[in-house]
Amino acid sequence: MRKSGMEEGKRWLRYPNGLPDSIPAKVYNREIAIEAVDLAEDAVSTADEIIRDLVKDLNNK
């Protein structure tokens, strides 16, 4: 199974010596950046839903 750019990116962020003889600016590309933004938007959206549900439940008590 091939890892996504984000999977590889997480490894490189944690272990920067694992970069293939390069620097992050030369390793990360637009595709990986877009994937990162999409994942962040999903995380924020999910957190927003959870918070709204919690507030709604608290207001109904």
PDB file of N, CA and C in Angstrom:
ATOM      1  N   MET A   1       0.846  -1.183   0.000  1.00  0.00           N
ATOM      2  CA  MET A   1       0.000   0.000   0.000  1.00  0.00           C
ATOM      3  C   MET A   1       0.892   1.248   0.000  1.00  0.00           C
ATOM      4  N   ARG A   2       0.614   2.159  -0.904  1.00  0.00           N
ATOM      5  CA  ARG A   2       1.392   3.396  -1.022  1.00  0.00           C
ATOM      6  C   ARG A   2       0.893   4.411  -0.010  1.00  0.00           C
ATOM      7  N   LYS A   3       1.825   5.042   0.680  1.00  0.00           N
ATOM      8  CA  LYS A   3       1.453   6.069   1.653  1.00  0.00           C
ATOM      9  C   LYS A   3       1.152   7.375   0.940  1.00  0.00           C
ATOM     10  N   SER A   4       0.208   8.115   1.499  1.00  0.00           N
ATOM     11  CA  SER A   4      -0.105   9.427   0.934  1.00  0.00           C
ATOM     12  C   SER A   4       1.007  10.406   1.274  1.00  0.00           C
ATOM     13  N   GLY A   5       0.983  11.546   0.619  1.00  0.00           N
ATOM     14  CA  GLY A   5       1.963  12.584   0.898  1.00  0.00           C
ATOM     15  C   GLY A   5       1.909  13.033   2.341  1.00  0.00           C
ATOM     16  N   MET A   6       0.708  13.058   2.912  1.00  0.00           N
ATOM     17  CA  MET A   6       0.578  13.473   4.306  1.00  0.00           C
ATOM     18  C   MET A   6       1.202  12.452   5.241  1.00  0.00           C
ATOM     19  N   GLU A   7       1.041  11.168   4.935  1.00  0.00           N
ATOM     20  CA  GLU A   7       1.660  10.140   5.779  1.00  0.00           C
ATOM     21  C   GLU A   7       3.171  10.307   5.782  1.00  0.00           C
ATOM     22  N   GLU A   8       3.727  10.505   4.606  1.00  0.00           N
ATOM     23  CA  GLU A   8       5.170  10.731   4.517  1.00  0.00           C
ATOM     24  C   GLU A   8       5.539  12.028   5.225  1.00  0.00           C
ATOM     25  N   GLY A   9       4.721  13.051   5.075  1.00  0.00           N
ATOM     26  CA  GLY A   9       4.990  14.347   5.689  1.00  0.00           C
ATOM     27  C   GLY A   9       5.035  14.272   7.199  1.00  0.00           C
ATOM     28  N   LYS A  10       4.122  13.486   7.775  1.00  0.00           N
ATOM     29  CA  LYS A  10       4.116  13.344   9.230  1.00  0.00           C
ATOM     30  C   LYS A  10       5.417  12.713   9.708  1.00  0.00           C
ATOM     31  N   ARG A  11       5.892  11.737   8.966  1.00  0.00           N
ATOM     32  CA  ARG A  11       7.148  11.083   9.346  1.00  0.00           C
ATOM     33  C   ARG A  11       8.288  12.084   9.274  1.00  0.00           C
ATOM     34  N   TRP A  12       8.318  12.879   8.221  1.00  0.00           N
ATOM     35  CA  TRP A  12       9.412  13.844   8.054  1.00  0.00           C
ATOM     36  C   TRP A  12       9.350  14.951   9.099  1.00  0.00           C
ATOM     37  N   LEU A  13       8.150  15.330   9.496  1.00  0.00           N
ATOM     38  CA  LEU A  13       8.038  16.356  10.538  1.00  0.00           C
ATOM     39  C   LEU A  13       8.556  15.840  11.873  1.00  0.00           C
ATOM     40  N   ARG A  14       8.284  14.588  12.125  1.00  0.00           N
ATOM     41  CA  ARG A  14       8.722  14.000  13.388  1.00  0.00           C
ATOM     42  C   ARG A  14      10.208  13.657  13.362  1.00  0.00           C
ATOM     43  N   TYR A  15      10.673  13.191  12.218  1.00  0.00           N
ATOM     44  CA  TYR A  15      12.072  12.788  12.069  1.00  0.00           C
ATOM     45  C   TYR A  15      12.679  13.517  10.873  1.00  0.00           C
ATOM     46  N   PRO A  16      13.043  14.799  11.024  1.00  0.00           N
ATOM     47  CA  PRO A  16      13.526  15.580   9.880  1.00  0.00           C
ATOM     48  C   PRO A  16      14.769  15.000   9.218  1.00  0.00           C
ATOM     49  N   ASN A  17      15.533  14.192   9.931  1.00  0.00           N
ATOM     50  CA  ASN A  17      16.696  13.563   9.304  1.00  0.00           C
ATOM     51  C   ASN A  17      16.274  12.546   8.248  1.00  0.00           C
ATOM     52  N   GLY A  18      14.984  12.214   8.213  1.00  0.00           N
ATOM     53  CA  GLY A  18      14.472  11.265   7.240  1.00  0.00           C
ATOM     54  C   GLY A  18      14.198  11.870   5.877  1.00  0.00           C
ATOM     55  N   LEU A  19      14.366  13.185   5.748  1.00  0.00           N
ATOM     56  CA  LEU A  19      14.165  13.812   4.436  1.00  0.00           C
ATOM     57  C   LEU A  19      15.205  13.278   3.464  1.00  0.00           C
ATOM     58  N   PRO A  20      14.794  13.024   2.239  1.00  0.00           N
ATOM     59  CA  PRO A  20      15.717  12.448   1.251  1.00  0.00           C
ATOM     60  C   PRO A  20      16.747  13.471   0.754  1.00  0.00           C
ATOM     61  N   ASP A  21      17.739  13.763   1.576  1.00  0.00           N
ATOM     62  CA  ASP A  21      18.824  14.694   1.212  1.00  0.00           C
ATOM     63  C   ASP A  21      18.300  15.996   0.625  1.00  0.00           C
ATOM     64  N   SER A  22      17.333  16.574   1.304  1.00  0.00           N
ATOM     65  CA  SER A  22      16.729  17.798   0.797  1.00  0.00           C
ATOM     66  C   SER A  22      16.238  18.631   1.978  1.00  0.00           C
ATOM     67  N   ILE A  23      15.481  19.665   1.643  1.00  0.00           N
ATOM     68  CA  ILE A  23      14.854  20.514   2.644  1.00  0.00           C
ATOM     69  C   ILE A  23      13.346  20.458   2.425  1.00  0.00           C
ATOM     70  N   PRO A  24      12.550  20.739   3.462  1.00  0.00           N
ATOM     71  CA  PRO A  24      11.100  20.650   3.309  1.00  0.00           C
ATOM     72  C   PRO A  24      10.552  21.441   2.123  1.00  0.00           C
ATOM     73  N   ALA A  25      11.112  22.605   1.849  1.00  0.00           N
ATOM     74  CA  ALA A  25      10.606  23.426   0.740  1.00  0.00           C
ATOM     75  C   ALA A  25      10.742  22.722  -0.605  1.00  0.00           C
ATOM     76  N   LYS A  26      11.667  21.789  -0.699  1.00  0.00           N
ATOM     77  CA  LYS A  26      11.853  21.070  -1.965  1.00  0.00           C
ATOM     78  C   LYS A  26      11.136  19.723  -1.971  1.00  0.00           C
ATOM     79  N   VAL A  27      10.674  19.286  -0.811  1.00  0.00           N
ATOM     80  CA  VAL A  27      10.023  17.981  -0.715  1.00  0.00           C
ATOM     81  C   VAL A  27       8.509  18.108  -0.826  1.00  0.00           C
ATOM     82  N   TYR A  28       7.945  19.086  -0.121  1.00  0.00           N
ATOM     83  CA  TYR A  28       6.501  19.264  -0.145  1.00  0.00           C
ATOM     84  C   TYR A  28       6.089  19.999  -1.413  1.00  0.00           C
ATOM     85  N   ASN A  29       4.939  19.613  -1.946  1.00  0.00           N
ATOM     86  CA  ASN A  29       4.453  20.240  -3.172  1.00  0.00           C
ATOM     87  C   ASN A  29       3.008  20.706  -2.977  1.00  0.00           C
ATOM     88  N   ARG A  30       2.463  21.274  -4.011  1.00  0.00           N
ATOM     89  CA  ARG A  30       1.098  21.816  -3.946  1.00  0.00           C
ATOM     90  C   ARG A  30       0.084  20.731  -3.589  1.00  0.00           C
ATOM     91  N   GLU A  31       0.238  19.556  -4.158  1.00  0.00           N
ATOM     92  CA  GLU A  31      -0.695  18.457  -3.898  1.00  0.00           C
ATOM     93  C   GLU A  31      -0.719  18.099  -2.409  1.00  0.00           C
ATOM     94  N   ILE A  32       0.438  18.010  -1.801  1.00  0.00           N
ATOM     95  CA  ILE A  32       0.521  17.690  -0.376  1.00  0.00           C
ATOM     96  C   ILE A  32      -0.054  18.832   0.456  1.00  0.00           C
ATOM     97  N   ALA A  33       0.203  20.062   0.052  1.00  0.00           N
ATOM     98  CA  ALA A  33      -0.333  21.222   0.777  1.00  0.00           C
ATOM     99  C   ALA A  33      -1.858  21.235   0.720  1.00  0.00           C
ATOM    100  N   ILE A  34      -2.414  20.948  -0.438  1.00  0.00           N
ATOM    101  CA  ILE A  34      -3.874  20.914  -0.587  1.00  0.00           C
ATOM    102  C   ILE A  34      -4.459  19.804   0.272  1.00  0.00           C
ATOM    103  N   GLU A  35      -3.807  18.646   0.284  1.00  0.00           N
ATOM    104  CA  GLU A  35      -4.273  17.539   1.116  1.00  0.00           C
ATOM    105  C   GLU A  35      -4.239  17.931   2.598  1.00  0.00           C
ATOM    106  N   ALA A  36      -3.198  18.626   3.013  1.00  0.00           N
ATOM    107  CA  ALA A  36      -3.078  19.066   4.409  1.00  0.00           C
ATOM    108  C   ALA A  36      -4.194  20.042   4.770  1.00  0.00           C
ATOM    109  N   VAL A  37      -4.483  20.976   3.874  1.00  0.00           N
ATOM    110  CA  VAL A  37      -5.552  21.949   4.124  1.00  0.00           C
ATOM    111  C   VAL A  37      -6.904  21.241   4.186  1.00  0.00           C
ATOM    112  N   ASP A  38      -7.138  20.297   3.283  1.00  0.00           N
ATOM    113  CA  ASP A  38      -8.396  19.546   3.297  1.00  0.00           C
ATOM    114  C   ASP A  38      -8.572  18.786   4.610  1.00  0.00           C
ATOM    115  N   LEU A  39      -7.506  18.140   5.072  1.00  0.00           N
ATOM    116  CA  LEU A  39      -7.575  17.406   6.336  1.00  0.00           C
ATOM    117  C   LEU A  39      -7.822  18.348   7.508  1.00  0.00           C
ATOM    118  N   ALA A  40      -7.185  19.505   7.487  1.00  0.00           N
ATOM    119  CA  ALA A  40      -7.387  20.490   8.556  1.00  0.00           C
ATOM    120  C   ALA A  40      -8.825  20.997   8.556  1.00  0.00           C
ATOM    121  N   GLU A  41      -9.372  21.259   7.369  1.00  0.00           N
ATOM    122  CA  GLU A  41     -10.761  21.718   7.279  1.00  0.00           C
ATOM    123  C   GLU A  41     -11.713  20.653   7.806  1.00  0.00           C
ATOM    124  N   ASP A  42     -11.450  19.380   7.487  1.00  0.00           N
ATOM    125  CA  ASP A  42     -12.281  18.291   8.002  1.00  0.00           C
ATOM    126  C   ASP A  42     -12.214  18.233   9.525  1.00  0.00           C
ATOM    127  N   ALA A  43     -11.015  18.392  10.074  1.00  0.00           N
ATOM    128  CA  ALA A  43     -10.840  18.343  11.529  1.00  0.00           C
ATOM    129  C   ALA A  43     -11.588  19.487  12.202  1.00  0.00           C
ATOM    130  N   VAL A  44     -11.488  20.680  11.643  1.00  0.00           N
ATOM    131  CA  VAL A  44     -12.175  21.843  12.215  1.00  0.00           C
ATOM    132  C   VAL A  44     -13.687  21.665  12.112  1.00  0.00           C
ATOM    133  N   SER A  45     -14.156  21.158  10.997  1.00  0.00           N
ATOM    134  CA  SER A  45     -15.587  20.937  10.806  1.00  0.00           C
ATOM    135  C   SER A  45     -16.119  19.914  11.811  1.00  0.00           C
ATOM    136  N   THR A  46     -15.379  18.835  12.005  1.00  0.00           N
ATOM    137  CA  THR A  46     -15.784  17.810  12.966  1.00  0.00           C
ATOM    138  C   THR A  46     -15.800  18.372  14.383  1.00  0.00           C
ATOM    139  N   ALA A  47     -14.766  19.114  14.743  1.00  0.00           N
ATOM    140  CA  ALA A  47     -14.711  19.729  16.075  1.00  0.00           C
ATOM    141  C   ALA A  47     -15.873  20.695  16.264  1.00  0.00           C
ATOM    142  N   ASP A  48     -16.193  21.464  15.232  1.00  0.00           N
ATOM    143  CA  ASP A  48     -17.306  22.414  15.300  1.00  0.00           C
ATOM    144  C   ASP A  48     -18.619  21.682  15.554  1.00  0.00           C
ATOM    145  N   GLU A  49     -18.842  20.575  14.849  1.00  0.00           N
ATOM    146  CA  GLU A  49     -20.063  19.795  15.043  1.00  0.00           C
ATOM    147  C   GLU A  49     -20.148  19.256  16.467  1.00  0.00           C
ATOM    148  N   ILE A  50     -19.037  18.738  16.973  1.00  0.00           N
ATOM    149  CA  ILE A  50     -19.018  18.189  18.333  1.00  0.00           C
ATOM    150  C   ILE A  50     -19.322  19.281  19.353  1.00  0.00           C
ATOM    151  N   ILE A  51     -18.698  20.428  19.199  1.00  0.00           N
ATOM    152  CA  ILE A  51     -18.922  21.540  20.135  1.00  0.00           C
ATOM    153  C   ILE A  51     -20.366  22.016  20.070  1.00  0.00           C
ATOM    154  N   ARG A  52     -20.903  22.152  18.859  1.00  0.00           N
ATOM    155  CA  ARG A  52     -22.305  22.587  18.721  1.00  0.00           C
ATOM    156  C   ARG A  52     -23.250  21.597  19.399  1.00  0.00           C
ATOM    157  N   ASP A  53     -22.987  20.292  19.216  1.00  0.00           N
ATOM    158  CA  ASP A  53     -23.825  19.275  19.854  1.00  0.00           C
ATOM    159  C   ASP A  53     -23.721  19.353  21.374  1.00  0.00           C
ATOM    160  N   LEU A  54     -22.519  19.553  21.891  1.00  0.00           N
ATOM    161  CA  LEU A  54     -22.335  19.663  23.340  1.00  0.00           C
ATOM    162  C   LEU A  54     -23.058  20.883  23.902  1.00  0.00           C
ATOM    163  N   VAL A  55     -22.935  22.010  23.222  1.00  0.00           N
ATOM    164  CA  VAL A  55     -23.614  23.236  23.667  1.00  0.00           C
ATOM    165  C   VAL A  55     -25.123  23.038  23.619  1.00  0.00           C
ATOM    166  N   LYS A  56     -25.605  22.414  22.557  1.00  0.00           N
ATOM    167  CA  LYS A  56     -27.039  22.152  22.420  1.00  0.00           C
ATOM    168  C   LYS A  56     -27.522  21.269  23.568  1.00  0.00           C
ATOM    169  N   ASP A  57     -26.759  20.215  23.879  1.00  0.00           N
ATOM    170  CA  ASP A  57     -27.126  19.327  24.983  1.00  0.00           C
ATOM    171  C   ASP A  57     -27.118  20.067  26.315  1.00  0.00           C
ATOM    172  N   LEU A  58     -26.126  20.915  26.538  1.00  0.00           N
ATOM    173  CA  LEU A  58     -26.052  21.674  27.790  1.00  0.00           C
ATOM    174  C   LEU A  58     -27.221  22.640  27.926  1.00  0.00           C
ATOM    175  N   ASN A  59     -27.619  23.251  26.824  1.00  0.00           N
ATOM    176  CA  ASN A  59     -28.731  24.205  26.855  1.00  0.00           C
ATOM    177  C   ASN A  59     -30.073  23.514  27.069  1.00  0.00           C
ATOM    178  N   ASN A  60     -30.157  22.235  26.741  1.00  0.00           N
ATOM    179  CA  ASN A  60     -31.406  21.487  26.906  1.00  0.00           C
ATOM    180  C   ASN A  60     -31.543  20.890  28.296  1.00  0.00           C
ATOM    181  N   LYS A  61     -30.536  21.021  29.133  1.00  0.00           N
ATOM    182  CA  LYS A  61     -30.608  20.448  30.493  1.00  0.00           C
ATOM    183  C   LYS A  61     -31.174  21.435  31.463  1.00  0.00           C
TER     184      LYS A  61
END
